[in-house]
Amino acid sequence: MRTWAIVTATLFATATLFATAGALATPASVSVSIAPELQVKAARTLGTRDVNLLADQLRARVEQRLARTGAYQDTRLELVLVDVQPNRPTFKQMSDKPGLSFESFGVGGARIEGRAVGADGVETALGYSYYEPDIRQAAMRGTWSDAEWTIDRFAYRLGRGEGGVRR
């Protein structure tokens, strides 16, 4: 019975400590916009729906990673999806060119830029880009595989506090 009381008290103290630590720092707020050039590219060739989904995915992945790691607390992240390149034709591309096959593939990727604004007003430039250099790697991938990989890698690096690293 005595052991049970000690374990309960220890668990309560640990829970209180984590609750207090969480209350002191607020998680980063993340906003994602699409660059004007990419908006034009999306309207003409890629499809605005696909690009908007990638922007939403960028915001969600960054928020998830930062919530998990606690990096960039009390910071406002303003991210811009500057460019995306699909690995396979998008629905808009296939509807614009009926002879285009979904079996077509190419190298894809994305470029993300932005800034982190701390509670003290200090700004830090953020950015990451990756475009697959080897077309042989694209044969078995989906439409946005390389762009999604770039988003995931960027979120991972932000979670480690490496947001200023450009590739």
Protein backbone atom coordinates (compact mmCIF):
# COMPACT_ATOMS: atom_id res chain seq x y z
CA MET A 1 0.00 0.00 0.00
CA ARG A 2 2.85 2.32 0.83
CA THR A 3 4.50 1.67 -2.54
CA TRP A 4 1.25 2.53 -4.28
CA ALA A 5 1.12 5.90 -2.53
CA ILE A 6 4.70 6.70 -3.53
CA VAL A 7 4.07 5.75 -7.17
CA THR A 8 0.87 7.82 -7.25
CA ALA A 9 2.61 10.85 -5.74
CA THR A 10 5.49 10.54 -8.20
CA LEU A 11 3.12 10.30 -11.19
CA PHE A 12 1.14 13.29 -9.95
CA ALA A 13 4.32 15.36 -9.51
CA THR A 14 5.54 14.41 -13.00
CA ALA A 15 2.18 15.26 -14.58
CA THR A 16 2.13 18.61 -12.78
CA LEU A 17 5.67 19.37 -13.95
CA PHE A 18 4.82 18.66 -17.59
CA ALA A 19 1.58 20.65 -17.38
CA THR A 20 3.44 23.62 -15.93
CA ALA A 21 6.21 23.41 -18.51
CA GLY A 22 3.63 23.26 -21.30
CA ALA A 23 1.82 26.30 -19.95
CA LEU A 24 4.95 28.45 -19.97
CA ALA A 25 5.64 28.22 -23.70
CA THR A 26 3.13 28.42 -26.51
CA PRO A 27 3.58 26.34 -29.65
CA ALA A 28 4.65 27.99 -32.86
CA SER A 29 1.95 29.45 -35.06
CA VAL A 30 2.34 28.43 -38.69
CA SER A 31 0.95 30.22 -41.71
CA VAL A 32 1.51 29.05 -45.27
CA SER A 33 0.96 31.05 -48.42
CA ILE A 34 1.51 30.27 -52.08
CA ALA A 35 3.89 32.44 -54.09
CA PRO A 36 2.24 34.50 -56.86
CA GLU A 37 4.32 32.77 -59.54
CA LEU A 38 3.18 29.37 -58.28
CA GLN A 39 -0.44 30.55 -58.19
CA VAL A 40 -0.17 31.43 -61.89
CA LYS A 41 1.54 28.11 -62.64
CA ALA A 42 -1.17 26.27 -60.72
CA ALA A 43 -3.98 28.02 -62.58
CA ARG A 44 -2.38 27.41 -65.98
CA THR A 45 -0.90 23.93 -65.74
CA LEU A 46 -0.84 22.14 -62.38
CA GLY A 47 -4.30 22.74 -60.95
CA THR A 48 -5.05 25.00 -58.01
CA ARG A 49 -6.65 22.18 -56.02
CA ASP A 50 -3.43 20.15 -55.98
CA VAL A 51 -1.25 23.10 -55.03
CA ASN A 52 -3.65 24.17 -52.26
CA LEU A 53 -3.58 20.62 -50.89
CA LEU A 54 0.23 20.72 -50.83
CA ALA A 55 0.16 24.05 -48.97
CA ASP A 56 -2.27 22.57 -46.42
CA GLN A 57 -0.04 19.53 -46.08
CA LEU A 58 2.98 21.76 -45.48
CA ARG A 59 1.19 23.60 -42.67
CA ALA A 60 -0.09 20.39 -41.07
CA ARG A 61 3.25 18.57 -41.21
CA VAL A 62 5.18 21.51 -39.76
CA GLU A 63 2.62 21.95 -36.96
CA GLN A 64 2.75 18.22 -36.15
CA ARG A 65 6.54 18.10 -36.07
CA LEU A 66 6.88 21.25 -33.96
CA ALA A 67 4.23 20.03 -31.52
CA ARG A 68 6.13 16.78 -31.16
CA THR A 69 9.56 18.32 -30.62
CA GLY A 70 8.72 21.64 -28.99
CA ALA A 71 11.02 23.56 -31.32
CA TYR A 72 10.26 27.18 -32.24
CA GLN A 73 8.01 27.77 -29.23
CA ASP A 74 6.68 31.32 -28.91
CA THR A 75 7.53 31.84 -32.58
CA ARG A 76 5.49 32.78 -35.63
CA LEU A 77 6.44 30.87 -38.79
CA GLU A 78 5.49 32.48 -42.09
CA LEU A 79 6.12 29.97 -44.86
CA VAL A 80 5.77 30.37 -48.62
CA LEU A 81 5.41 27.48 -51.03
CA VAL A 82 7.49 28.92 -53.86
CA ASP A 83 7.55 26.10 -56.40
CA VAL A 84 6.38 22.52 -56.85
CA GLN A 85 7.05 20.04 -59.61
CA PRO A 86 4.99 16.82 -59.92
CA ASN A 87 6.45 13.38 -60.65
CA ARG A 88 3.44 12.39 -62.73
CA PRO A 89 0.86 14.41 -64.67
CA THR A 90 -1.76 16.11 -62.51
CA PHE A 91 -5.49 15.83 -63.20
CA LYS A 92 -5.48 19.28 -64.78
CA GLN A 93 -2.55 18.43 -67.03
CA MET A 94 -4.24 15.22 -68.17
CA SER A 95 -7.55 16.99 -68.82
CA ASP A 96 -5.78 19.77 -70.76
CA LYS A 97 -3.87 17.24 -72.90
CA PRO A 98 -6.03 14.16 -73.53
CA GLY A 99 -3.14 12.19 -75.06
CA LEU A 100 -1.05 12.48 -71.90
CA SER A 101 -0.68 9.24 -69.95
CA PHE A 102 -0.57 8.81 -66.19
CA GLU A 103 2.27 6.37 -66.82
CA SER A 104 4.44 9.34 -67.82
CA PHE A 105 6.88 10.36 -65.13
CA GLY A 106 9.60 12.88 -64.44
CA VAL A 107 11.63 14.37 -61.66
CA GLY A 108 9.69 16.34 -59.08
CA GLY A 109 10.33 18.41 -56.01
CA ALA A 110 9.50 21.63 -54.21
CA ARG A 111 10.97 24.84 -52.84
CA ILE A 112 9.88 26.37 -49.54
CA GLU A 113 10.94 29.73 -48.14
CA GLY A 114 9.86 31.79 -45.19
CA ARG A 115 10.83 33.31 -41.90
CA ALA A 116 10.54 32.67 -38.20
CA VAL A 117 9.64 35.67 -36.07
CA GLY A 118 10.44 35.19 -32.41
CA ALA A 119 8.60 36.73 -29.49
CA ASP A 120 11.48 39.21 -29.19
CA GLY A 121 11.05 40.29 -32.83
CA VAL A 122 14.17 38.55 -34.13
CA GLU A 123 13.67 37.17 -37.64
CA THR A 124 15.35 34.07 -39.00
CA ALA A 125 15.23 33.16 -42.67
CA LEU A 126 13.95 29.67 -43.41
CA GLY A 127 14.14 27.67 -46.57
CA TYR A 128 14.53 24.28 -48.14
CA SER A 129 14.35 22.91 -51.65
CA TYR A 130 14.79 19.53 -53.18
CA TYR A 131 14.33 18.32 -56.74
CA GLU A 132 15.09 14.68 -57.51
CA PRO A 133 18.24 14.63 -59.65
CA ASP A 134 17.79 11.08 -61.00
CA ILE A 135 14.81 10.27 -63.22
CA ARG A 136 15.31 6.56 -62.53
CA GLN A 137 14.04 7.20 -59.00
CA ALA A 138 10.76 8.65 -60.30
CA ALA A 139 9.41 5.62 -62.15
CA MET A 140 7.62 4.05 -59.17
CA ARG A 141 6.39 7.23 -57.47
CA GLY A 142 3.05 9.00 -57.23
CA THR A 143 2.08 12.40 -58.57
CA TRP A 144 3.53 14.50 -55.74
CA SER A 145 6.01 12.08 -54.14
CA ASP A 146 9.11 14.28 -54.34
CA ALA A 147 7.21 17.42 -53.31
CA GLU A 148 5.74 15.57 -50.32
CA TRP A 149 9.19 14.23 -49.44
CA THR A 150 10.52 17.80 -49.52
CA ILE A 151 7.71 18.95 -47.21
CA ASP A 152 8.38 16.10 -44.79
CA ARG A 153 12.13 16.75 -44.79
CA PHE A 154 11.61 20.48 -44.20
CA ALA A 155 9.26 19.78 -41.28
CA TYR A 156 11.77 17.30 -39.83
CA ARG A 157 14.58 19.86 -40.02
CA LEU A 158 12.41 22.54 -38.42
CA GLY A 159 11.66 20.13 -35.61
CA ARG A 160 15.38 19.77 -35.01
CA GLY A 161 15.86 23.56 -35.09
CA GLU A 162 17.63 23.48 -38.48
CA GLY A 163 15.15 25.67 -40.37
CA GLY A 164 17.74 28.05 -41.70
CA VAL A 165 19.51 25.26 -43.56
CA ARG A 166 19.06 25.49 -47.30
CA ARG A 167 19.64 22.70 -49.71
